[in-house]
Amino acid sequence: MNNLYFKLCFLFFIVLSSCSEEKVDQVGYGTVTGRVVIADTFEPMENVKITSSPTSGTIFTDADGKFVMSKVPIGEYSFQAQKDGYVAKFESVSVTANNTAEVIFELKKSTTNNKPPAIPVLTTPTDNAVSQNIALDLVWTATDPDNDVLTFSVTLRNDANTDVKVFTGIKDKKLSLTGLLYGVKYFWQVTANDGVNVDILSAVSSFTTSTFPATRFLGVNKVGDNNVIYSIDDAGNKYQLTGLETNNWRPRRNTQVRKIAFIRSSGGQNHIYTMNEDGSGVTKITNSVPINGFNSDFVGFSWNASGSEIIYPSFDKLYKINNNGSGLAQIYKTPTGKFISECDWSNDGTKIALKVNDVSGYNVEIYIIDTSGNVLSQVLSGYKGATSGLNFSVTGQKLLYSRDVSEYENQNYRQLDSRIFEYNLTTATATAIIGNKPAGTNDYDARYSPNEAEVIFTNTSNDGVSVKNIVKSGISVTDSRVVLFAGYFMPDWE
């Protein structure tokens, strides 16, 4: 009997132990990790209090906004993230045995007691400042009583046109401006926003840019892949007129209308544009008939003396157009189908000089026609090699041009020994007028100085890749060559 009783007790103990072990195994733990960020900027938040319901402990986020809560009993929880000045956030989390649950809190600022920013104070330039650069910094001060992160916008107007520019999303208390207009009064105002309250506006401040300096020279410089036009004063100071994002070349100033005409690549074609002397007011002149020739680097156009009209070539035809883009008319066509590459209009308006050539730029002729298309005289023919540049003297009795006296011809239009000549229409003779040309270089793109005592032109190595320089020289004066502007080419001097 006692033996039976002992066996039953032992069996009961085994069953009880087995049930107890099964219960312990069902408890289990998991881990909860997470991160707390500011809702608008997603910046991490440090020292955010993390709690749960049912309670499993309290922890705080680190400098990266992260937290880890380990040994959390399995089950369904509501986790809470809270910090003074922010709206508490709840997230549901399911904890399973031996697994990690992840949660992210995005806390928004509490607006209950949040105060708006102080009114921004505009400091630089000072109100009503004058003679300001066309590239400058707008600077202001701004504070927020709650130390909220501020963002700014700047509104910019001027008294020259109706343009209104708004710059948004500014984080610093500064805005750098470039490309302002010369001699224009600007008005600016700053808006501050703390992400909670309504925008706060500053007072309006003004400044006036400096007037455009007096310049007489124009030149072109290669910047990256594009040609850029500059205005240059007697001291060599250079003022950029066209942007870097477009290709612009062959500037020609007309002092009567105070405009500069030039060529710009546009939509796969080359067109003539005009601009004011400070680079503003860019206007496209040609449209249906672009300017064309055998080589865009060696194609040119000409103003009439008053600046009311422009003549330009398009392959074998010469066109005339008004300076506002109206009145397009064909005034000449080459009888042999040769391309017109360059032209120049005499000051009295009675004569037009033309340089014509074949599709390769060779077999050149230079002759003079009247405005009805009648040929008046032949200046050049029967020579091989490259020829470029046409410029009448003020009387119309002399004509500048350059010619490669080596008579070299190749598919790249390379010149080996280009020299500047002056043709006298009265005597029908041509004379090389610029001496002391360095060996292995080319002189071309010649223009008379305003008093016609000197000539300005481009000089460069005949390798075709070296730097180009704008050079000045007296006419038939020994040892008078002077490099005016290194790295520039296609000069104009008015």
Protein backbone atom coordinates (compact mmCIF):
# COMPACT_ATOMS: atom_id res chain seq x y z
CA MET A 1 0.00 0.00 0.00
CA ASN A 2 2.78 2.42 0.97
CA ASN A 3 4.61 1.55 -2.26
CA LEU A 4 1.52 2.38 -4.32
CA TYR A 5 1.10 5.69 -2.47
CA PHE A 6 4.72 6.61 -3.19
CA LYS A 7 4.37 5.88 -6.89
CA LEU A 8 1.21 8.03 -7.17
CA CYS A 9 2.90 10.97 -5.40
CA PHE A 10 5.93 10.72 -7.68
CA LEU A 11 3.72 10.67 -10.79
CA PHE A 12 1.79 13.75 -9.55
CA PHE A 13 5.09 15.62 -8.99
CA ILE A 14 6.29 14.87 -12.51
CA VAL A 15 3.00 16.10 -14.03
CA LEU A 16 3.07 19.25 -11.89
CA SER A 17 6.67 20.03 -12.89
CA SER A 18 5.87 19.49 -16.53
CA CYS A 19 2.94 21.93 -16.39
CA SER A 20 5.08 24.52 -14.58
CA GLU A 21 7.85 24.41 -17.22
CA GLU A 22 5.33 24.86 -20.03
CA LYS A 23 3.95 27.99 -18.34
CA VAL A 24 7.41 29.59 -17.98
CA ASP A 25 8.20 29.04 -21.66
CA GLN A 26 5.07 30.98 -22.72
CA VAL A 27 6.10 34.30 -21.03
CA GLY A 28 8.88 35.42 -23.56
CA TYR A 29 10.49 38.86 -24.19
CA GLY A 30 11.17 41.12 -27.15
CA THR A 31 13.00 44.38 -27.89
CA VAL A 32 11.65 47.76 -28.99
CA THR A 33 13.92 50.22 -30.86
CA GLY A 34 12.99 53.58 -32.27
CA ARG A 35 13.88 57.10 -33.30
CA VAL A 36 12.31 60.50 -32.63
CA VAL A 37 12.59 63.36 -35.16
CA ILE A 38 11.12 66.83 -35.62
CA ALA A 39 8.13 66.47 -37.92
CA ASP A 40 8.95 69.35 -40.29
CA THR A 41 12.72 69.01 -40.62
CA PHE A 42 13.30 65.35 -39.67
CA GLU A 43 16.14 66.44 -37.41
CA PRO A 44 16.85 63.97 -34.55
CA MET A 45 15.56 64.91 -31.08
CA GLU A 46 17.63 64.26 -27.96
CA ASN A 47 16.28 63.64 -24.41
CA VAL A 48 12.78 62.73 -25.51
CA LYS A 49 10.99 60.69 -22.81
CA ILE A 50 9.80 57.26 -24.00
CA THR A 51 7.17 55.37 -21.97
CA SER A 52 4.74 52.54 -22.67
CA SER A 53 1.34 51.32 -21.61
CA PRO A 54 1.21 48.72 -20.11
CA THR A 55 4.27 49.98 -18.28
CA SER A 56 7.56 48.40 -19.32
CA GLY A 57 9.92 51.16 -18.24
CA THR A 58 11.05 54.70 -19.09
CA ILE A 59 14.04 55.71 -21.23
CA PHE A 60 15.32 58.82 -23.09
CA THR A 61 16.58 59.27 -26.65
CA ASP A 62 20.27 59.84 -27.38
CA ALA A 63 21.90 62.58 -29.47
CA ASP A 64 20.76 60.82 -32.66
CA GLY A 65 17.18 60.65 -31.44
CA LYS A 66 17.42 56.87 -30.96
CA PHE A 67 16.35 54.60 -28.10
CA VAL A 68 16.41 50.87 -27.27
CA MET A 69 14.10 49.18 -24.72
CA SER A 70 15.05 45.57 -24.11
CA LYS A 71 13.38 42.67 -22.21
CA VAL A 72 9.87 43.91 -22.96
CA PRO A 73 7.30 41.17 -22.20
CA ILE A 74 5.43 40.03 -25.29
CA GLY A 75 2.13 41.72 -25.94
CA GLU A 76 0.41 44.79 -27.41
CA TYR A 77 1.65 48.20 -26.25
CA SER A 78 1.08 51.88 -26.76
CA PHE A 79 4.41 53.74 -26.71
CA GLN A 80 4.53 57.47 -26.04
CA ALA A 81 7.19 60.11 -26.91
CA GLN A 82 7.01 63.43 -25.13
CA LYS A 83 9.15 66.56 -24.70
CA ASP A 84 8.34 70.04 -23.47
CA GLY A 85 7.31 72.35 -26.30
CA TYR A 86 6.18 69.50 -28.56
CA VAL A 87 2.88 67.63 -28.93
CA ALA A 88 3.17 64.12 -27.40
CA LYS A 89 2.83 61.29 -29.89
CA PHE A 90 1.52 57.72 -29.40
CA GLU A 91 2.36 54.72 -31.55
CA SER A 92 1.08 51.11 -31.29
CA VAL A 93 3.75 48.41 -30.99
CA SER A 94 3.35 44.64 -31.07
CA VAL A 95 6.12 42.85 -29.13
CA THR A 96 6.83 39.20 -29.98
CA ALA A 97 9.23 36.76 -28.36
CA ASN A 98 12.89 37.10 -29.34
CA ASN A 99 12.10 39.76 -32.01
CA THR A 100 12.77 43.48 -32.38
CA ALA A 101 9.94 45.92 -33.06
CA GLU A 102 10.77 49.29 -34.57
CA VAL A 103 8.88 52.58 -34.19
CA ILE A 104 9.45 56.15 -35.41
CA PHE A 105 7.96 59.26 -33.80
CA GLU A 106 7.57 62.57 -35.65
CA LEU A 107 6.89 65.27 -33.06
CA LYS A 108 5.31 68.57 -33.98
CA LYS A 109 5.96 71.75 -32.08
CA SER A 110 3.27 72.77 -29.64
CA THR A 111 1.68 76.07 -30.64
CA THR A 112 -0.07 76.66 -27.38
CA ASN A 113 2.35 79.29 -26.06
CA ASN A 114 4.62 79.77 -29.08
CA LYS A 115 5.44 83.39 -29.90
CA PRO A 116 6.10 84.72 -33.42
CA PRO A 117 9.58 85.87 -34.54
CA ALA A 118 10.71 89.45 -34.06
CA ILE A 119 10.44 91.74 -37.07
CA PRO A 120 13.58 91.24 -39.27
CA VAL A 121 15.92 94.23 -39.39
CA LEU A 122 17.56 94.95 -42.77
CA THR A 123 21.20 95.93 -42.23
CA THR A 124 23.15 95.73 -45.53
CA PRO A 125 23.00 97.65 -47.78
CA THR A 126 21.79 100.49 -45.60
CA ASP A 127 18.52 102.07 -46.63
CA ASN A 128 18.89 104.44 -49.62
CA ALA A 129 22.51 103.38 -50.22
CA VAL A 130 23.87 104.43 -53.62
CA SER A 131 26.64 103.34 -56.01
CA GLN A 132 26.22 99.68 -55.06
CA ASN A 133 27.84 96.86 -57.04
CA ILE A 134 25.66 94.79 -59.36
CA ALA A 135 26.75 91.75 -57.31
CA LEU A 136 26.18 92.17 -53.57
CA ASP A 137 24.88 90.53 -50.38
CA LEU A 138 21.59 91.43 -48.72
CA VAL A 139 22.03 90.99 -44.96
CA TRP A 140 19.50 91.16 -42.10
CA THR A 141 19.04 90.16 -38.45
CA ALA A 142 16.16 88.15 -36.97
CA THR A 143 15.43 86.45 -33.66
CA ASP A 144 12.75 84.14 -32.25
CA PRO A 145 11.70 84.15 -28.55
CA ASP A 146 11.21 80.37 -28.58
CA ASN A 147 14.45 79.72 -30.47
CA ASP A 148 12.48 78.19 -33.32
CA VAL A 149 14.36 77.51 -36.55
CA LEU A 150 13.55 80.38 -38.91
CA THR A 151 13.28 80.33 -42.68
CA PHE A 152 13.22 83.48 -44.79
CA SER A 153 12.07 84.75 -48.15
CA VAL A 154 13.18 87.93 -49.92
CA THR A 155 11.10 89.98 -52.36
CA LEU A 156 13.05 92.17 -54.79
CA ARG A 157 11.59 94.91 -57.03
CA ASN A 158 13.13 97.76 -59.03
CA ASP A 159 12.11 101.05 -60.64
CA ALA A 160 13.31 100.10 -64.14
CA ASN A 161 10.70 97.45 -64.96
CA THR A 162 7.84 95.43 -63.48
CA ASP A 163 9.95 92.40 -62.56
CA VAL A 164 9.29 90.97 -59.09
CA LYS A 165 11.69 88.29 -57.87
CA VAL A 166 10.94 86.17 -54.79
CA PHE A 167 13.71 84.06 -53.22
CA THR A 168 12.36 81.40 -50.85
CA GLY A 169 13.61 78.73 -48.47
CA ILE A 170 16.55 80.82 -47.19
CA LYS A 171 18.16 79.43 -44.02
CA ASP A 172 20.87 82.06 -43.50
CA LYS A 173 20.29 85.73 -42.76
CA LYS A 174 21.92 86.63 -46.05
CA LEU A 175 21.14 86.46 -49.78
CA SER A 176 23.82 86.86 -52.48
CA LEU A 177 22.62 88.66 -55.62
CA THR A 178 24.33 88.79 -59.02
CA GLY A 179 23.42 90.24 -62.39
CA LEU A 180 21.68 93.36 -61.09
CA LEU A 181 21.08 96.19 -63.55
CA TYR A 182 23.31 99.24 -63.59
CA GLY A 183 21.92 102.56 -62.40
CA VAL A 184 18.69 101.09 -61.05
CA LYS A 185 16.96 101.58 -57.69
CA TYR A 186 16.01 98.31 -55.96
CA PHE A 187 13.51 97.70 -53.17
CA TRP A 188 13.73 94.64 -50.91
CA GLN A 189 11.77 93.11 -48.05
CA VAL A 190 12.37 90.04 -45.87
CA THR A 191 9.73 87.61 -44.58
CA ALA A 192 10.49 85.45 -41.49
CA ASN A 193 8.62 82.23 -40.65
CA ASP A 194 9.04 80.00 -37.57
CA GLY A 195 6.92 77.12 -38.88
CA VAL A 196 4.20 77.89 -36.31
CA ASN A 197 2.95 81.43 -36.58
CA VAL A 198 2.01 83.67 -39.50
CA ASP A 199 4.76 85.29 -41.60
CA ILE A 200 6.46 88.36 -40.15
CA LEU A 201 7.42 91.09 -42.64
CA SER A 202 10.32 93.50 -42.36
CA ALA A 203 10.20 97.11 -43.43
CA VAL A 204 11.06 97.87 -47.07
CA SER A 205 14.61 99.05 -47.76
CA SER A 206 16.15 100.39 -50.97
CA PHE A 207 19.52 100.76 -52.65
CA THR A 208 20.72 102.05 -56.04
CA THR A 209 23.36 100.36 -58.17
CA SER A 210 26.25 102.24 -59.73
CA THR A 211 25.94 103.61 -63.24
CA PHE A 212 27.60 101.67 -66.05
CA PRO A 213 31.20 102.88 -66.53
CA ALA A 214 32.29 104.60 -69.71
CA THR A 215 33.86 102.02 -72.01
CA ARG A 216 35.00 102.13 -75.63
CA PHE A 217 36.18 98.59 -76.29
CA LEU A 218 34.30 95.35 -76.81
CA GLY A 219 35.85 91.90 -76.83
CA VAL A 220 35.04 88.21 -76.56
CA ASN A 221 36.51 85.67 -74.16
CA LYS A 222 36.02 81.89 -74.26
CA VAL A 223 34.62 80.69 -70.91
CA GLY A 224 34.06 76.94 -70.78
CA ASP A 225 32.31 75.95 -73.99
CA ASN A 226 30.79 79.36 -74.74
CA ASN A 227 31.96 82.75 -75.98
CA VAL A 228 31.16 85.62 -73.61
CA ILE A 229 31.05 89.32 -74.58
CA TYR A 230 32.75 91.93 -72.40
CA SER A 231 32.86 95.71 -72.37
CA ILE A 232 36.33 97.03 -71.53
CA ASP A 233 37.46 100.49 -70.43
CA ASP A 234 40.75 102.25 -71.15
CA ALA A 235 42.26 100.95 -67.91
CA GLY A 236 41.58 97.36 -68.91
CA ASN A 237 38.67 96.80 -66.49
CA LYS A 238 36.30 94.25 -67.97
CA TYR A 239 32.52 94.12 -67.51
CA GLN A 240 30.66 90.97 -68.49
CA LEU A 241 27.68 91.69 -70.76
CA THR A 242 26.40 88.22 -71.68
CA GLY A 243 25.85 85.12 -69.56
CA LEU A 244 27.86 81.93 -69.45
CA GLU A 245 24.93 79.73 -70.39
CA THR A 246 24.68 80.91 -74.03
CA ASN A 247 27.19 81.31 -76.86
CA ASN A 248 27.61 84.98 -77.92
CA TRP A 249 30.15 86.57 -80.24
CA ARG A 250 30.98 89.24 -82.87
CA PRO A 251 29.88 92.37 -80.88
CA ARG A 252 29.34 95.59 -82.81
CA ARG A 253 28.46 98.85 -81.06
CA ASN A 254 26.43 101.69 -82.62
CA THR A 255 26.96 104.92 -80.70
CA GLN A 256 23.94 106.66 -82.24
CA VAL A 257 21.35 104.29 -80.76
CA ARG A 258 23.63 103.22 -77.87
CA LYS A 259 23.11 99.55 -78.71
CA ILE A 260 25.40 96.57 -79.20
CA ALA A 261 24.50 94.00 -81.84
CA PHE A 262 25.93 90.48 -81.59
CA ILE A 263 25.43 86.88 -82.72
CA ARG A 264 23.95 84.24 -80.41
CA SER A 265 23.31 80.53 -80.87
CA SER A 266 19.60 79.90 -80.53
CA GLY A 267 17.77 76.63 -81.17
CA GLY A 268 20.46 75.18 -83.41
CA GLN A 269 20.71 78.39 -85.48
CA ASN A 270 22.68 81.62 -85.22
CA HIS A 271 20.72 84.85 -84.91
CA ILE A 272 21.47 88.54 -84.47
CA TYR A 273 20.51 90.15 -81.16
CA THR A 274 20.90 93.62 -79.72
CA MET A 275 21.40 94.78 -76.13
CA ASN A 276 21.92 98.00 -74.26
CA GLU A 277 25.51 99.06 -73.60
CA ASP A 278 25.33 97.64 -70.07
CA GLY A 279 24.11 94.22 -71.30
CA SER A 280 20.45 94.75 -70.42
CA GLY A 281 17.47 94.77 -72.78
CA VAL A 282 18.53 91.80 -74.93
CA THR A 283 16.32 91.64 -78.03
CA LYS A 284 16.29 89.07 -80.83
CA ILE A 285 16.38 90.82 -84.23
CA THR A 286 16.44 88.03 -86.82
CA ASN A 287 13.86 85.25 -86.90
CA SER A 288 12.78 83.63 -90.15
CA VAL A 289 16.20 84.07 -91.81
CA PRO A 290 19.16 83.40 -89.49
CA ILE A 291 22.69 84.65 -90.15
CA ASN A 292 24.60 81.97 -92.07
CA GLY A 293 27.93 81.40 -93.75
CA PHE A 294 30.54 78.74 -94.34
CA ASN A 295 31.89 79.06 -90.79
CA SER A 296 30.17 80.74 -87.82
CA ASP A 297 33.50 82.08 -86.52
CA PHE A 298 34.05 83.96 -89.77
CA VAL A 299 30.62 85.44 -90.44
CA GLY A 300 29.87 89.11 -89.85
CA PHE A 301 27.19 91.80 -90.16
CA SER A 302 27.11 95.60 -90.11
CA TRP A 303 25.04 98.52 -88.77
CA ASN A 304 24.20 101.51 -90.89
CA ALA A 305 25.56 104.78 -89.46
CA SER A 306 22.32 105.85 -87.75
CA GLY A 307 21.74 102.44 -86.15
CA SER A 308 18.31 102.06 -87.67
CA GLU A 309 19.19 99.05 -89.85
CA ILE A 310 21.50 96.03 -89.99
CA ILE A 311 22.74 94.10 -93.02
CA TYR A 312 23.74 90.46 -92.72
CA PRO A 313 24.43 87.40 -94.93
CA SER A 314 22.62 84.11 -95.17
CA PHE A 315 24.63 81.89 -97.52
CA ASP A 316 24.52 83.49 -101.00
CA LYS A 317 22.06 86.27 -100.04
CA LEU A 318 22.44 89.61 -98.28
CA TYR A 319 19.55 90.88 -96.17
CA LYS A 320 18.58 94.16 -94.56
CA ILE A 321 16.48 94.39 -91.39
CA ASN A 322 15.34 97.17 -89.08
CA ASN A 323 16.84 97.30 -85.59
CA ASN A 324 13.51 96.21 -84.07
CA GLY A 325 13.33 93.07 -86.24
CA SER A 326 10.85 94.43 -88.78
CA GLY A 327 11.28 95.16 -92.48
CA LEU A 328 13.32 92.11 -93.52
CA ALA A 329 14.32 92.43 -97.19
CA GLN A 330 16.78 90.71 -99.51
CA ILE A 331 19.03 93.30 -101.14
CA TYR A 332 21.59 91.15 -102.97
CA LYS A 333 22.34 87.64 -104.19
CA THR A 334 25.72 86.48 -105.48
CA PRO A 335 25.54 85.69 -109.20
CA THR A 336 27.80 82.63 -108.87
CA GLY A 337 26.21 81.05 -105.78
CA LYS A 338 29.22 81.84 -103.59
CA PHE A 339 28.54 82.39 -99.91
CA ILE A 340 28.64 85.88 -98.44
CA SER A 341 30.65 85.64 -95.22
CA GLU A 342 31.19 89.25 -94.19
CA CYS A 343 29.91 92.71 -95.00
CA ASP A 344 30.46 96.33 -94.01
CA TRP A 345 28.30 99.39 -94.65
CA SER A 346 29.98 102.72 -95.42
CA ASN A 347 29.30 105.68 -93.12
CA ASP A 348 27.48 107.62 -95.85
CA GLY A 349 25.27 104.62 -96.59
CA THR A 350 26.08 104.44 -100.30
CA LYS A 351 28.46 101.47 -100.38
CA ILE A 352 28.56 97.92 -99.01
CA ALA A 353 31.73 95.83 -98.97
CA LEU A 354 31.26 92.06 -99.36
CA LYS A 355 33.59 89.14 -98.81
CA VAL A 356 32.37 86.06 -100.70
CA ASN A 357 33.89 82.56 -100.87
CA ASP A 358 33.12 78.95 -101.73
CA VAL A 359 31.66 76.45 -99.22
CA SER A 360 35.15 75.79 -97.84
CA GLY A 361 35.92 79.47 -97.26
CA TYR A 362 38.33 79.78 -100.16
CA ASN A 363 38.31 81.17 -103.71
CA VAL A 364 37.70 84.54 -102.04
CA GLU A 365 36.49 87.75 -103.63
CA ILE A 366 36.05 91.14 -102.01
CA TYR A 367 33.99 93.67 -103.95
CA ILE A 368 31.88 96.73 -103.31
CA ILE A 369 28.23 97.17 -104.30
CA ASP A 370 25.70 99.97 -103.97
CA THR A 371 22.44 99.54 -102.03
CA SER A 372 20.71 98.45 -105.25
CA GLY A 373 23.12 95.53 -105.67
CA ASN A 374 25.22 97.00 -108.48
CA VAL A 375 28.93 96.10 -108.31
CA LEU A 376 31.00 99.27 -108.05
CA SER A 377 34.54 97.92 -107.74
CA GLN A 378 36.59 94.78 -107.21
CA VAL A 379 38.96 94.85 -104.21
CA LEU A 380 40.38 91.34 -104.16
CA SER A 381 40.23 88.19 -106.30
CA GLY A 382 42.56 85.59 -107.73
CA TYR A 383 44.36 84.77 -104.47
CA LYS A 384 44.36 81.47 -102.65
CA GLY A 385 44.09 81.08 -98.87
CA ALA A 386 41.90 82.58 -96.17
CA THR A 387 40.70 86.17 -96.04
CA SER A 388 38.64 87.85 -93.32
CA GLY A 389 37.60 91.11 -91.74
CA LEU A 390 36.08 94.13 -93.50
CA ASN A 391 35.98 97.70 -92.16
CA PHE A 392 35.45 100.94 -94.08
CA SER A 393 37.22 104.13 -93.07
CA VAL A 394 34.88 106.97 -92.06
CA THR A 395 35.19 108.51 -95.55
CA GLY A 396 34.47 105.19 -97.24
CA GLN A 397 37.59 105.57 -99.38
CA LYS A 398 39.66 102.94 -97.55
CA LEU A 399 38.88 99.37 -96.53
CA LEU A 400 40.64 97.10 -94.04
CA TYR A 401 40.87 93.34 -94.52
CA SER A 402 43.27 90.53 -93.59
CA ARG A 403 44.73 87.89 -95.92
CA ASP A 404 46.87 84.79 -95.37
CA VAL A 405 49.80 85.59 -97.61
CA SER A 406 51.02 81.98 -97.40
CA GLU A 407 47.93 81.07 -99.48
CA TYR A 408 47.68 77.86 -97.43
CA GLU A 409 44.39 75.96 -97.70
CA ASN A 410 43.09 73.01 -95.68
CA GLN A 411 39.78 71.61 -94.45
CA ASN A 412 40.14 73.21 -90.97
CA TYR A 413 40.54 76.72 -92.41
CA ARG A 414 43.89 77.07 -90.69
CA GLN A 415 45.85 80.23 -91.48
CA LEU A 416 49.67 80.38 -91.41
CA ASP A 417 50.59 84.02 -92.05
CA SER A 418 47.57 86.32 -91.99
CA ARG A 419 48.38 90.01 -92.36
CA ILE A 420 46.31 93.20 -92.33
CA PHE A 421 45.91 95.23 -95.51
CA GLU A 422 44.39 98.61 -96.29
CA TYR A 423 42.81 99.05 -99.72
CA ASN A 424 42.65 102.53 -101.20
CA LEU A 425 39.57 102.84 -103.40
CA THR A 426 40.91 105.96 -105.10
CA THR A 427 44.19 104.40 -106.21
CA ALA A 428 42.93 100.79 -106.31
CA THR A 429 45.99 99.64 -104.35
CA ALA A 430 46.38 97.46 -101.26
CA THR A 431 49.12 97.93 -98.66
CA ALA A 432 50.16 95.80 -95.67
CA ILE A 433 49.96 98.32 -92.84
CA ILE A 434 50.93 96.48 -89.62
CA GLY A 435 54.55 95.57 -89.17
CA ASN A 436 56.58 93.57 -86.68
CA LYS A 437 54.16 90.69 -86.61
CA PRO A 438 55.72 87.87 -84.56
CA ALA A 439 56.71 84.92 -86.71
CA GLY A 440 54.24 82.04 -86.69
CA THR A 441 51.26 84.24 -85.78
CA ASN A 442 48.19 85.65 -87.52
CA ASP A 443 46.72 89.18 -87.48
CA TYR A 444 43.02 89.41 -88.39
CA ASP A 445 39.62 90.95 -87.45
CA ALA A 446 41.02 94.46 -87.91
CA ARG A 447 39.01 97.58 -86.98
CA TYR A 448 39.92 101.25 -87.31
CA SER A 449 40.29 103.26 -84.10
CA PRO A 450 37.76 106.10 -83.78
CA ASN A 451 40.35 108.62 -85.03
CA GLU A 452 41.64 106.14 -87.67
CA ALA A 453 45.25 106.72 -86.62
CA GLU A 454 45.44 103.21 -85.21
CA VAL A 455 44.05 99.75 -85.82
CA ILE A 456 42.83 97.21 -83.29
CA PHE A 457 42.88 93.51 -84.18
CA THR A 458 43.29 89.93 -82.98
CA ASN A 459 46.69 88.24 -82.93
CA THR A 460 47.27 84.56 -82.16
CA SER A 461 49.61 81.69 -82.95
CA ASN A 462 48.95 79.92 -86.23
CA ASP A 463 48.64 76.61 -84.38
CA GLY A 464 44.93 77.38 -83.99
CA VAL A 465 44.75 76.48 -80.29
CA SER A 466 46.87 79.09 -78.48
CA VAL A 467 45.53 82.11 -76.59
CA LYS A 468 44.15 85.01 -78.60
CA ASN A 469 45.03 88.62 -77.77
CA ILE A 470 43.57 91.97 -78.76
CA VAL A 471 46.40 94.14 -80.09
CA LYS A 472 46.63 97.82 -81.01
CA SER A 473 49.03 99.28 -83.55
CA GLY A 474 49.66 102.51 -85.38
CA ILE A 475 49.10 102.41 -89.13
CA SER A 476 52.43 101.90 -90.90
CA VAL A 477 54.24 102.87 -87.69
CA THR A 478 57.21 100.71 -86.73
CA ASP A 479 57.38 99.18 -83.24
CA SER A 480 53.92 100.37 -82.21
CA ARG A 481 52.28 97.00 -81.47
CA VAL A 482 50.77 96.80 -77.97
CA VAL A 483 48.79 93.92 -76.46
CA LEU A 484 45.72 95.56 -74.96
CA PHE A 485 43.74 92.59 -73.64
CA ALA A 486 45.27 89.14 -73.29
CA GLY A 487 42.90 86.24 -73.87
CA TYR A 488 40.32 88.31 -75.76
CA PHE A 489 39.41 88.45 -79.44
CA MET A 490 36.81 89.81 -81.95
CA PRO A 491 37.47 93.43 -80.92
CA ASP A 492 35.35 96.52 -81.50
CA TRP A 493 36.41 100.11 -80.77
CA GLU A 494 33.96 102.95 -81.07
